[in-house]
Amino acid sequence: LSVLLVEYRGYGRSTERFPSEKTVYEDVETAWNYLVNERQINPNNIYIFGHSLGGAIAINLALNHPEIAGLIIESSFTNIKEMIAYKKKYWMFPINLILTQKFDSLAKISALKMPILLTHGTEDELIPSTMSEALFTAATESKQLLIVAGAGHNNVRQVGGNQYWQTVQQFLTLESQKPGF
């Protein structure tokens, strides 16, 4: 098993420029091209994992590359508009008129043709687990949902423990045993 971690511009130790939906999509396309073109890895052997905003970015990448083996999406959201409505912080602004970053995973996930595992914690105070449930409902292909009781936004793996890792292992094992893998 090999892992490639992508740090979007504007996050972590990358540039200090503010990221946009367009630039983070460009960043993962660059990583995808590196894996497939330079490293010559068969796309059917690549699983994409995305956490939070990374889940929306992974869903978009999968939409552009249906040959991806599968997706694991953790603690992600349906779209930015629903996130803003959930937070209720910006009620006084005309959000529909000024919102330019959509990250609309809910509109995209039904078009995906690869297996999807969604995970989320019940105590996530940033993104409610109902958003992963909505993504699960909208997904049409082979899909699984793991809701971890007591887990927050950044500790689903830790709180889920063996249940989490067994679910991920089962997902990867079942999908990799299908013909054509």
Foldseek 3Di string as FASTA:
>chain_A
DDDDDFAFACDDPHHVDHDALVRRLVRVVVVVCCVCPVVVDQQLLAEEEAAALGLLSVLVVCLVPLSHQEYEYELYAQWVVVLCVVVVPPVVDPCVVPPDHTSHSLVRQQSRAHEYEYEYECAAPRHHCVRVVSSQVSHDYHYYYYYQYPDYRPCRCPSCPPVVVVVVVVVSVVSVPDPPD
